[in-house]
Structure formats: structure tokens, C-alpha cells
mmCIF file of all heavy atoms, coordinates in Angstrom:
data_MODEL
# 
_entry.id   MODEL 
# 
loop_
_atom_site.group_PDB 
_atom_site.id 
_atom_site.type_symbol 
_atom_site.label_atom_id 
_atom_site.label_alt_id 
_atom_site.label_comp_id 
_atom_site.label_asym_id 
_atom_site.label_entity_id 
_atom_site.label_seq_id 
_atom_site.pdbx_PDB_ins_code 
_atom_site.Cartn_x 
_atom_site.Cartn_y 
_atom_site.Cartn_z 
_atom_site.occupancy 
_atom_site.B_iso_or_equiv 
_atom_site.pdbx_formal_charge 
_atom_site.auth_seq_id 
_atom_site.auth_comp_id 
_atom_site.auth_asym_id 
_atom_site.auth_atom_id 
_atom_site.pdbx_PDB_model_num 
ATOM 1   N N   . GLU A 1 1  ? 85.246 105.248 92.105  1.00 0.00 ? 1  GLU A N   1 
ATOM 2   C CA  . GLU A 1 1  ? 85.536 105.396 90.707  1.00 0.00 ? 1  GLU A CA  1 
ATOM 3   C C   . GLU A 1 1  ? 86.148 104.151 90.078  1.00 0.00 ? 1  GLU A C   1 
ATOM 4   O O   . GLU A 1 1  ? 86.276 104.075 88.859  1.00 0.00 ? 1  GLU A O   1 
ATOM 5   C CB  . GLU A 1 1  ? 86.494 106.580 90.513  1.00 0.00 ? 1  GLU A CB  1 
ATOM 6   C CG  . GLU A 1 1  ? 85.895 107.896 90.961  1.00 0.00 ? 1  GLU A CG  1 
ATOM 7   C CD  . GLU A 1 1  ? 86.900 109.038 90.958  1.00 0.00 ? 1  GLU A CD  1 
ATOM 8   O OE1 . GLU A 1 1  ? 87.986 108.895 90.401  1.00 0.00 ? 1  GLU A OE1 1 
ATOM 9   O OE2 . GLU A 1 1  ? 86.582 110.095 91.538  1.00 0.00 ? 1  GLU A OE2 1 
ATOM 10  N N   . LEU A 1 2  ? 86.482 103.145 90.875  1.00 0.00 ? 2  LEU A N   1 
ATOM 11  C CA  . LEU A 1 2  ? 87.108 101.930 90.351  1.00 0.00 ? 2  LEU A CA  1 
ATOM 12  C C   . LEU A 1 2  ? 86.092 100.943 89.767  1.00 0.00 ? 2  LEU A C   1 
ATOM 13  O O   . LEU A 1 2  ? 86.501 99.972  89.138  1.00 0.00 ? 2  LEU A O   1 
ATOM 14  C CB  . LEU A 1 2  ? 87.937 101.246 91.435  1.00 0.00 ? 2  LEU A CB  1 
ATOM 15  C CG  . LEU A 1 2  ? 89.149 102.052 91.935  1.00 0.00 ? 2  LEU A CG  1 
ATOM 16  C CD1 . LEU A 1 2  ? 89.828 101.311 93.085  1.00 0.00 ? 2  LEU A CD1 1 
ATOM 17  C CD2 . LEU A 1 2  ? 90.109 102.339 90.819  1.00 0.00 ? 2  LEU A CD2 1 
ATOM 18  N N   . GLY A 1 3  ? 84.808 101.159 89.979  1.00 0.00 ? 3  GLY A N   1 
ATOM 19  C CA  . GLY A 1 3  ? 83.789 100.275 89.410  1.00 0.00 ? 3  GLY A CA  1 
ATOM 20  C C   . GLY A 1 3  ? 83.670 98.935  90.108  1.00 0.00 ? 3  GLY A C   1 
ATOM 21  O O   . GLY A 1 3  ? 83.297 97.936  89.497  1.00 0.00 ? 3  GLY A O   1 
ATOM 22  N N   . ILE A 1 4  ? 83.943 98.895  91.396  1.00 0.00 ? 4  ILE A N   1 
ATOM 23  C CA  . ILE A 1 4  ? 83.852 97.628  92.153  1.00 0.00 ? 4  ILE A CA  1 
ATOM 24  C C   . ILE A 1 4  ? 82.439 97.066  92.088  1.00 0.00 ? 4  ILE A C   1 
ATOM 25  O O   . ILE A 1 4  ? 82.249 95.855  91.936  1.00 0.00 ? 4  ILE A O   1 
ATOM 26  C CB  . ILE A 1 4  ? 84.324 97.841  93.604  1.00 0.00 ? 4  ILE A CB  1 
ATOM 27  C CG1 . ILE A 1 4  ? 85.848 98.136  93.578  1.00 0.00 ? 4  ILE A CG1 1 
ATOM 28  C CG2 . ILE A 1 4  ? 84.019 96.603  94.459  1.00 0.00 ? 4  ILE A CG2 1 
ATOM 29  C CD1 . ILE A 1 4  ? 86.423 98.546  94.894  1.00 0.00 ? 4  ILE A CD1 1 
ATOM 30  N N   . ASP A 1 5  ? 81.419 97.923  92.166  1.00 0.00 ? 5  ASP A N   1 
ATOM 31  C CA  . ASP A 1 5  ? 80.042 97.450  92.044  1.00 0.00 ? 5  ASP A CA  1 
ATOM 32  C C   . ASP A 1 5  ? 79.801 96.670  90.778  1.00 0.00 ? 5  ASP A C   1 
ATOM 33  O O   . ASP A 1 5  ? 79.159 95.610  90.787  1.00 0.00 ? 5  ASP A O   1 
ATOM 34  C CB  . ASP A 1 5  ? 79.042 98.618  92.075  1.00 0.00 ? 5  ASP A CB  1 
ATOM 35  C CG  . ASP A 1 5  ? 78.959 99.284  93.459  1.00 0.00 ? 5  ASP A CG  1 
ATOM 36  O OD1 . ASP A 1 5  ? 78.765 98.553  94.432  1.00 0.00 ? 5  ASP A OD1 1 
ATOM 37  O OD2 . ASP A 1 5  ? 79.091 100.494 93.518  1.00 0.00 ? 5  ASP A OD2 1 
ATOM 38  N N   . GLU A 1 6  ? 80.312 97.162  89.667  1.00 0.00 ? 6  GLU A N   1 
ATOM 39  C CA  . GLU A 1 6  ? 80.106 96.504  88.369  1.00 0.00 ? 6  GLU A CA  1 
ATOM 40  C C   . GLU A 1 6  ? 80.793 95.151  88.344  1.00 0.00 ? 6  GLU A C   1 
ATOM 41  O O   . GLU A 1 6  ? 80.261 94.195  87.784  1.00 0.00 ? 6  GLU A O   1 
ATOM 42  C CB  . GLU A 1 6  ? 80.609 97.385  87.223  1.00 0.00 ? 6  GLU A CB  1 
ATOM 43  C CG  . GLU A 1 6  ? 79.789 98.620  86.966  1.00 0.00 ? 6  GLU A CG  1 
ATOM 44  C CD  . GLU A 1 6  ? 80.082 99.788  87.896  1.00 0.00 ? 6  GLU A CD  1 
ATOM 45  O OE1 . GLU A 1 6  ? 81.054 99.713  88.713  1.00 0.00 ? 6  GLU A OE1 1 
ATOM 46  O OE2 . GLU A 1 6  ? 79.353 100.772 87.841  1.00 0.00 ? 6  GLU A OE2 1 
ATOM 47  N N   . LEU A 1 7  ? 81.971 95.064  88.938  1.00 0.00 ? 7  LEU A N   1 
ATOM 48  C CA  . LEU A 1 7  ? 82.680 93.780  88.996  1.00 0.00 ? 7  LEU A CA  1 
ATOM 49  C C   . LEU A 1 7  ? 81.888 92.745  89.807  1.00 0.00 ? 7  LEU A C   1 
ATOM 50  O O   . LEU A 1 7  ? 81.766 91.596  89.396  1.00 0.00 ? 7  LEU A O   1 
ATOM 51  C CB  . LEU A 1 7  ? 84.089 93.965  89.611  1.00 0.00 ? 7  LEU A CB  1 
ATOM 52  C CG  . LEU A 1 7  ? 85.002 94.932  88.899  1.00 0.00 ? 7  LEU A CG  1 
ATOM 53  C CD1 . LEU A 1 7  ? 86.291 95.115  89.689  1.00 0.00 ? 7  LEU A CD1 1 
ATOM 54  C CD2 . LEU A 1 7  ? 85.316 94.463  87.484  1.00 0.00 ? 7  LEU A CD2 1 
ATOM 55  N N   . LEU A 1 8  ? 81.347 93.196  90.926  1.00 0.00 ? 8  LEU A N   1 
ATOM 56  C CA  . LEU A 1 8  ? 80.552 92.300  91.769  1.00 0.00 ? 8  LEU A CA  1 
ATOM 57  C C   . LEU A 1 8  ? 79.277 91.888  91.047  1.00 0.00 ? 8  LEU A C   1 
ATOM 58  O O   . LEU A 1 8  ? 78.910 90.695  91.061  1.00 0.00 ? 8  LEU A O   1 
ATOM 59  C CB  . LEU A 1 8  ? 80.213 92.984  93.102  1.00 0.00 ? 8  LEU A CB  1 
ATOM 60  C CG  . LEU A 1 8  ? 81.407 93.312  93.992  1.00 0.00 ? 8  LEU A CG  1 
ATOM 61  C CD1 . LEU A 1 8  ? 80.995 94.218  95.128  1.00 0.00 ? 8  LEU A CD1 1 
ATOM 62  C CD2 . LEU A 1 8  ? 82.071 92.047  94.500  1.00 0.00 ? 8  LEU A CD2 1 
ATOM 63  N N   . ASP A 1 9  ? 78.604 92.825  90.386  1.00 0.00 ? 9  ASP A N   1 
ATOM 64  C CA  . ASP A 1 9  ? 77.390 92.529  89.649  1.00 0.00 ? 9  ASP A CA  1 
ATOM 65  C C   . ASP A 1 9  ? 77.613 91.562  88.506  1.00 0.00 ? 9  ASP A C   1 
ATOM 66  O O   . ASP A 1 9  ? 76.722 90.823  88.146  1.00 0.00 ? 9  ASP A O   1 
ATOM 67  C CB  . ASP A 1 9  ? 76.739 93.817  89.122  1.00 0.00 ? 9  ASP A CB  1 
ATOM 68  C CG  . ASP A 1 9  ? 76.150 94.672  90.219  1.00 0.00 ? 9  ASP A CG  1 
ATOM 69  O OD1 . ASP A 1 9  ? 75.968 94.178  91.357  1.00 0.00 ? 9  ASP A OD1 1 
ATOM 70  O OD2 . ASP A 1 9  ? 75.889 95.873  89.949  1.00 0.00 ? 9  ASP A OD2 1 
ATOM 71  N N   . ALA A 1 10 ? 78.833 91.562  87.959  1.00 0.00 ? 10 ALA A N   1 
ATOM 72  C CA  . ALA A 1 10 ? 79.163 90.662  86.849  1.00 0.00 ? 10 ALA A CA  1 
ATOM 73  C C   . ALA A 1 10 ? 79.516 89.270  87.355  1.00 0.00 ? 10 ALA A C   1 
ATOM 74  O O   . ALA A 1 10 ? 79.808 88.381  86.549  1.00 0.00 ? 10 ALA A O   1 
ATOM 75  C CB  . ALA A 1 10 ? 80.320 91.229  86.050  1.00 0.00 ? 10 ALA A CB  1 
ATOM 76  N N   . GLY A 1 11 ? 79.505 89.046  88.655  1.00 0.00 ? 11 GLY A N   1 
ATOM 77  C CA  . GLY A 1 11 ? 79.737 87.717  89.211  1.00 0.00 ? 11 GLY A CA  1 
ATOM 78  C C   . GLY A 1 11 ? 81.185 87.388  89.541  1.00 0.00 ? 11 GLY A C   1 
ATOM 79  O O   . GLY A 1 11 ? 81.519 86.249  89.799  1.00 0.00 ? 11 GLY A O   1 
ATOM 80  N N   . ALA A 1 12 ? 82.031 88.402  89.568  1.00 0.00 ? 12 ALA A N   1 
ATOM 81  C CA  . ALA A 1 12 ? 83.436 88.160  89.919  1.00 0.00 ? 12 ALA A CA  1 
ATOM 82  C C   . ALA A 1 12 ? 83.565 88.090  91.453  1.00 0.00 ? 12 ALA A C   1 
ATOM 83  O O   . ALA A 1 12 ? 82.707 88.564  92.197  1.00 0.00 ? 12 ALA A O   1 
ATOM 84  C CB  . ALA A 1 12 ? 84.285 89.305  89.406  1.00 0.00 ? 12 ALA A CB  1 
ATOM 85  N N   . VAL A 1 13 ? 84.666 87.518  91.892  1.00 0.00 ? 13 VAL A N   1 
ATOM 86  C CA  . VAL A 1 13 ? 85.094 87.629  93.293  1.00 0.00 ? 13 VAL A CA  1 
ATOM 87  C C   . VAL A 1 13 ? 86.067 88.821  93.297  1.00 0.00 ? 13 VAL A C   1 
ATOM 88  O O   . VAL A 1 13 ? 86.962 88.908  92.472  1.00 0.00 ? 13 VAL A O   1 
ATOM 89  C CB  . VAL A 1 13 ? 85.774 86.344  93.791  1.00 0.00 ? 13 VAL A CB  1 
ATOM 90  C CG1 . VAL A 1 13 ? 86.453 86.565  95.117  1.00 0.00 ? 13 VAL A CG1 1 
ATOM 91  C CG2 . VAL A 1 13 ? 84.800 85.207  93.852  1.00 0.00 ? 13 VAL A CG2 1 
ATOM 92  N N   . VAL A 1 14 ? 85.876 89.738  94.243  1.00 0.00 ? 14 VAL A N   1 
ATOM 93  C CA  . VAL A 1 14 ? 86.740 90.897  94.351  1.00 0.00 ? 14 VAL A CA  1 
ATOM 94  C C   . VAL A 1 14 ? 87.427 90.876  95.713  1.00 0.00 ? 14 VAL A C   1 
ATOM 95  O O   . VAL A 1 14 ? 86.760 90.817  96.754  1.00 0.00 ? 14 VAL A O   1 
ATOM 96  C CB  . VAL A 1 14 ? 85.933 92.213  94.160  1.00 0.00 ? 14 VAL A CB  1 
ATOM 97  C CG1 . VAL A 1 14 ? 86.860 93.413  94.299  1.00 0.00 ? 14 VAL A CG1 1 
ATOM 98  C CG2 . VAL A 1 14 ? 85.217 92.250  92.810  1.00 0.00 ? 14 VAL A CG2 1 
ATOM 99  N N   . VAL A 1 15 ? 88.752 90.881  95.684  1.00 0.00 ? 15 VAL A N   1 
ATOM 100 C CA  . VAL A 1 15 ? 89.579 90.894  96.901  1.00 0.00 ? 15 VAL A CA  1 
ATOM 101 C C   . VAL A 1 15 ? 90.232 92.261  96.976  1.00 0.00 ? 15 VAL A C   1 
ATOM 102 O O   . VAL A 1 15 ? 90.911 92.675  96.033  1.00 0.00 ? 15 VAL A O   1 
ATOM 103 C CB  . VAL A 1 15 ? 90.644 89.788  96.886  1.00 0.00 ? 15 VAL A CB  1 
ATOM 104 C CG1 . VAL A 1 15 ? 91.557 89.894  98.084  1.00 0.00 ? 15 VAL A CG1 1 
ATOM 105 C CG2 . VAL A 1 15 ? 89.973 88.413  96.819  1.00 0.00 ? 15 VAL A CG2 1 
ATOM 106 N N   . VAL A 1 16 ? 90.028 92.982  98.082  1.00 0.00 ? 16 VAL A N   1 
ATOM 107 C CA  . VAL A 1 16 ? 90.513 94.348  98.220  1.00 0.00 ? 16 VAL A CA  1 
ATOM 108 C C   . VAL A 1 16 ? 91.513 94.443  99.380  1.00 0.00 ? 16 VAL A C   1 
ATOM 109 O O   . VAL A 1 16 ? 91.149 94.184  100.520 1.00 0.00 ? 16 VAL A O   1 
ATOM 110 C CB  . VAL A 1 16 ? 89.347 95.324  98.468  1.00 0.00 ? 16 VAL A CB  1 
ATOM 111 C CG1 . VAL A 1 16 ? 89.875 96.749  98.658  1.00 0.00 ? 16 VAL A CG1 1 
ATOM 112 C CG2 . VAL A 1 16 ? 88.338 95.275  97.326  1.00 0.00 ? 16 VAL A CG2 1 
ATOM 113 N N   . GLU A 1 17 ? 92.747 94.773  99.045  1.00 0.00 ? 17 GLU A N   1 
ATOM 114 C CA  . GLU A 1 17 ? 93.753 95.082  100.100 1.00 0.00 ? 17 GLU A CA  1 
ATOM 115 C C   . GLU A 1 17 ? 93.518 96.513  100.549 1.00 0.00 ? 17 GLU A C   1 
ATOM 116 O O   . GLU A 1 17 ? 93.159 97.371  99.753  1.00 0.00 ? 17 GLU A O   1 
ATOM 117 C CB  . GLU A 1 17 ? 95.170 94.905  99.546  1.00 0.00 ? 17 GLU A CB  1 
ATOM 118 C CG  . GLU A 1 17 ? 95.473 93.447  99.228  1.00 0.00 ? 17 GLU A CG  1 
ATOM 119 C CD  . GLU A 1 17 ? 96.952 93.206  98.983  1.00 0.00 ? 17 GLU A CD  1 
ATOM 120 O OE1 . GLU A 1 17 ? 97.785 93.870  99.643  1.00 0.00 ? 17 GLU A OE1 1 
ATOM 121 O OE2 . GLU A 1 17 ? 97.242 92.359  98.137  1.00 0.00 ? 17 GLU A OE2 1 
ATOM 122 N N   . TRP A 1 18 ? 93.696 96.763  101.828 1.00 0.00 ? 18 TRP A N   1 
ATOM 123 C CA  . TRP A 1 18 ? 93.421 98.066  102.454 1.00 0.00 ? 18 TRP A CA  1 
ATOM 124 C C   . TRP A 1 18 ? 91.916 98.309  102.365 1.00 0.00 ? 18 TRP A C   1 
ATOM 125 O O   . TRP A 1 18 ? 91.455 99.401  102.035 1.00 0.00 ? 18 TRP A O   1 
ATOM 126 C CB  . TRP A 1 18 ? 94.237 99.178  101.814 1.00 0.00 ? 18 TRP A CB  1 
ATOM 127 C CG  . TRP A 1 18 ? 95.710 98.904  101.920 1.00 0.00 ? 18 TRP A CG  1 
ATOM 128 C CD1 . TRP A 1 18 ? 96.512 98.356  100.938 1.00 0.00 ? 18 TRP A CD1 1 
ATOM 129 C CD2 . TRP A 1 18 ? 96.553 99.051  103.057 1.00 0.00 ? 18 TRP A CD2 1 
ATOM 130 N NE1 . TRP A 1 18 ? 97.778 98.172  101.427 1.00 0.00 ? 18 TRP A NE1 1 
ATOM 131 C CE2 . TRP A 1 18 ? 97.831 98.594  102.709 1.00 0.00 ? 18 TRP A CE2 1 
ATOM 132 C CE3 . TRP A 1 18 ? 96.341 99.515  104.342 1.00 0.00 ? 18 TRP A CE3 1 
ATOM 133 C CZ2 . TRP A 1 18 ? 98.910 98.586  103.612 1.00 0.00 ? 18 TRP A CZ2 1 
ATOM 134 C CZ3 . TRP A 1 18 ? 97.391 99.526  105.249 1.00 0.00 ? 18 TRP A CZ3 1 
ATOM 135 C CH2 . TRP A 1 18 ? 98.666 99.077  104.870 1.00 0.00 ? 18 TRP A CH2 1 
ATOM 136 N N   . GLY A 1 19 ? 91.136 97.285  102.674 1.00 0.00 ? 19 GLY A N   1 
ATOM 137 C CA  . GLY A 1 19 ? 89.685 97.353  102.606 1.00 0.00 ? 19 GLY A CA  1 
ATOM 138 C C   . GLY A 1 19 ? 89.052 98.381  103.507 1.00 0.00 ? 19 GLY A C   1 
ATOM 139 O O   . GLY A 1 19 ? 87.920 98.784  103.256 1.00 0.00 ? 19 GLY A O   1 
ATOM 140 N N   . GLU A 1 20 ? 89.787 98.849  104.496 1.00 0.00 ? 20 GLU A N   1 
ATOM 141 C CA  . GLU A 1 20 ? 89.243 99.913  105.361 1.00 0.00 ? 20 GLU A CA  1 
ATOM 142 C C   . GLU A 1 20 ? 89.043 101.195 104.574 1.00 0.00 ? 20 GLU A C   1 
ATOM 143 O O   . GLU A 1 20 ? 88.333 102.100 105.025 1.00 0.00 ? 20 GLU A O   1 
ATOM 144 C CB  . GLU A 1 20 ? 90.121 100.129 106.586 1.00 0.00 ? 20 GLU A CB  1 
ATOM 145 C CG  . GLU A 1 20 ? 91.510 100.673 106.289 1.00 0.00 ? 20 GLU A CG  1 
ATOM 146 C CD  . GLU A 1 20 ? 92.556 99.585  106.005 1.00 0.00 ? 20 GLU A CD  1 
ATOM 147 O OE1 . GLU A 1 20 ? 92.176 98.456  105.606 1.00 0.00 ? 20 GLU A OE1 1 
ATOM 148 O OE2 . GLU A 1 20 ? 93.768 99.893  106.155 1.00 0.00 ? 20 GLU A OE2 1 
ATOM 149 N N   . ARG A 1 21 ? 89.607 101.295 103.379 1.00 0.00 ? 21 ARG A N   1 
ATOM 150 C CA  . ARG A 1 21 ? 89.432 102.492 102.547 1.00 0.00 ? 21 ARG A CA  1 
ATOM 151 C C   . ARG A 1 21 ? 88.271 102.376 101.569 1.00 0.00 ? 21 ARG A C   1 
ATOM 152 O O   . ARG A 1 21 ? 88.023 103.283 100.777 1.00 0.00 ? 21 ARG A O   1 
ATOM 153 C CB  . ARG A 1 21 ? 90.737 102.789 101.801 1.00 0.00 ? 21 ARG A CB  1 
ATOM 154 C CG  . ARG A 1 21 ? 91.857 103.084 102.774 1.00 0.00 ? 21 ARG A CG  1 
ATOM 155 C CD  . ARG A 1 21 ? 93.171 103.341 102.113 1.00 0.00 ? 21 ARG A CD  1 
ATOM 156 N NE  . ARG A 1 21 ? 94.181 103.552 103.191 1.00 0.00 ? 21 ARG A NE  1 
ATOM 157 C CZ  . ARG A 1 21 ? 95.409 103.857 102.974 1.00 0.00 ? 21 ARG A CZ  1 
ATOM 158 N NH1 . ARG A 1 21 ? 95.838 104.021 101.735 1.00 0.00 ? 21 ARG A NH1 1 
ATOM 159 N NH2 . ARG A 1 21 ? 96.227 104.010 103.976 1.00 0.00 ? 21 ARG A NH2 1 
ATOM 160 N N   . LEU A 1 22 ? 87.556 101.259 101.646 1.00 0.00 ? 22 LEU A N   1 
ATOM 161 C CA  . LEU A 1 22 ? 86.330 101.100 100.829 1.00 0.00 ? 22 LEU A CA  1 
ATOM 162 C C   . LEU A 1 22 ? 85.238 102.020 101.362 1.00 0.00 ? 22 LEU A C   1 
ATOM 163 O O   . LEU A 1 22 ? 85.199 102.301 102.555 1.00 0.00 ? 22 LEU A O   1 
ATOM 164 C CB  . LEU A 1 22 ? 85.806 99.663  100.918 1.00 0.00 ? 22 LEU A CB  1 
ATOM 165 C CG  . LEU A 1 22 ? 86.490 98.594  100.077 1.00 0.00 ? 22 LEU A CG  1 
ATOM 166 C CD1 . LEU A 1 22 ? 86.075 97.212  100.579 1.00 0.00 ? 22 LEU A CD1 1 
ATOM 167 C CD2 . LEU A 1 22 ? 86.196 98.804  98.638  1.00 0.00 ? 22 LEU A CD2 1 
ATOM 168 N N   . PRO A 1 23 ? 84.317 102.423 100.506 1.00 0.00 ? 23 PRO A N   1 
ATOM 169 C CA  . PRO A 1 23 ? 83.167 103.166 101.001 1.00 0.00 ? 23 PRO A CA  1 
ATOM 170 C C   . PRO A 1 23 ? 82.391 102.291 101.994 1.00 0.00 ? 23 PRO A C   1 
ATOM 171 O O   . PRO A 1 23 ? 82.321 101.064 101.862 1.00 0.00 ? 23 PRO A O   1 
ATOM 172 C CB  . PRO A 1 23 ? 82.313 103.421 99.739  1.00 0.00 ? 23 PRO A CB  1 
ATOM 173 C CG  . PRO A 1 23 ? 83.285 103.287 98.606  1.00 0.00 ? 23 PRO A CG  1 
ATOM 174 C CD  . PRO A 1 23 ? 84.313 102.279 99.050  1.00 0.00 ? 23 PRO A CD  1 
ATOM 175 N N   . GLU A 1 24 ? 81.804 102.936 102.982 1.00 0.00 ? 24 GLU A N   1 
ATOM 176 C CA  . GLU A 1 24 ? 81.066 102.209 104.042 1.00 0.00 ? 24 GLU A CA  1 
ATOM 177 C C   . GLU A 1 24 ? 80.052 101.238 103.467 1.00 0.00 ? 24 GLU A C   1 
ATOM 178 O O   . GLU A 1 24 ? 79.895 100.129 103.962 1.00 0.00 ? 24 GLU A O   1 
ATOM 179 C CB  . GLU A 1 24 ? 80.407 103.220 104.989 1.00 0.00 ? 24 GLU A CB  1 
ATOM 180 C CG  . GLU A 1 24 ? 79.499 102.576 106.036 1.00 0.00 ? 24 GLU A CG  1 
ATOM 181 C CD  . GLU A 1 24 ? 80.216 101.629 106.964 1.00 0.00 ? 24 GLU A CD  1 
ATOM 182 O OE1 . GLU A 1 24 ? 81.402 101.807 107.261 1.00 0.00 ? 24 GLU A OE1 1 
ATOM 183 O OE2 . GLU A 1 24 ? 79.573 100.624 107.416 1.00 0.00 ? 24 GLU A OE2 1 
ATOM 184 N N   . ARG A 1 25 ? 79.322 101.628 102.452 1.00 0.00 ? 25 ARG A N   1 
ATOM 185 C CA  . ARG A 1 25 ? 78.267 100.775 101.910 1.00 0.00 ? 25 ARG A CA  1 
ATOM 186 C C   . ARG A 1 25 ? 78.836 99.467  101.369 1.00 0.00 ? 25 ARG A C   1 
ATOM 187 O O   . ARG A 1 25 ? 78.183 98.430  101.446 1.00 0.00 ? 25 ARG A O   1 
ATOM 188 C CB  . ARG A 1 25 ? 77.457 101.493 100.831 1.00 0.00 ? 25 ARG A CB  1 
ATOM 189 C CG  . ARG A 1 25 ? 78.260 101.824 99.609  1.00 0.00 ? 25 ARG A CG  1 
ATOM 190 C CD  . ARG A 1 25 ? 77.441 102.482 98.518  1.00 0.00 ? 25 ARG A CD  1 
ATOM 191 N NE  . ARG A 1 25 ? 78.273 102.700 97.342  1.00 0.00 ? 25 ARG A NE  1 
ATOM 192 C CZ  . ARG A 1 25 ? 78.630 101.752 96.495  1.00 0.00 ? 25 ARG A CZ  1 
ATOM 193 N NH1 . ARG A 1 25 ? 78.172 100.538 96.653  1.00 0.00 ? 25 ARG A NH1 1 
ATOM 194 N NH2 . ARG A 1 25 ? 79.382 102.024 95.461  1.00 0.00 ? 25 ARG A NH2 1 
ATOM 195 N N   . LEU A 1 26 ? 80.044 99.467  100.862 1.00 0.00 ? 26 LEU A N   1 
ATOM 196 C CA  . LEU A 1 26 ? 80.695 98.229  100.391 1.00 0.00 ? 26 LEU A CA  1 
ATOM 197 C C   . LEU A 1 26 ? 81.258 97.420  101.562 1.00 0.00 ? 26 LEU A C   1 
ATOM 198 O O   . LEU A 1 26 ? 81.177 96.202  101.580 1.00 0.00 ? 26 LEU A O   1 
ATOM 199 C CB  . LEU A 1 26 ? 81.790 98.537  99.384  1.00 0.00 ? 26 LEU A CB  1 
ATOM 200 C CG  . LEU A 1 26 ? 81.329 99.022  98.018  1.00 0.00 ? 26 LEU A CG  1 
ATOM 201 C CD1 . LEU A 1 26 ? 82.513 99.469  97.175  1.00 0.00 ? 26 LEU A CD1 1 
ATOM 202 C CD2 . LEU A 1 26 ? 80.525 97.955  97.289  1.00 0.00 ? 26 LEU A CD2 1 
# 
């Protein structure tokens, strides 16, 4: 629900703390 896909598609660099909680596909 955070829209990480959209941020990546817009060309941003995304740094995620606690990345083990990301969906598997990400």
C-alpha cells in the first residue's frame, strides 16, 4: 500500500529499512 512500485517506476532510488518485510516480488 506504500506505492513503492510507483516510486521505482518514476526513477527514484528507494532505500528500505527492515527490507525483509517487503513483498517477495520486490
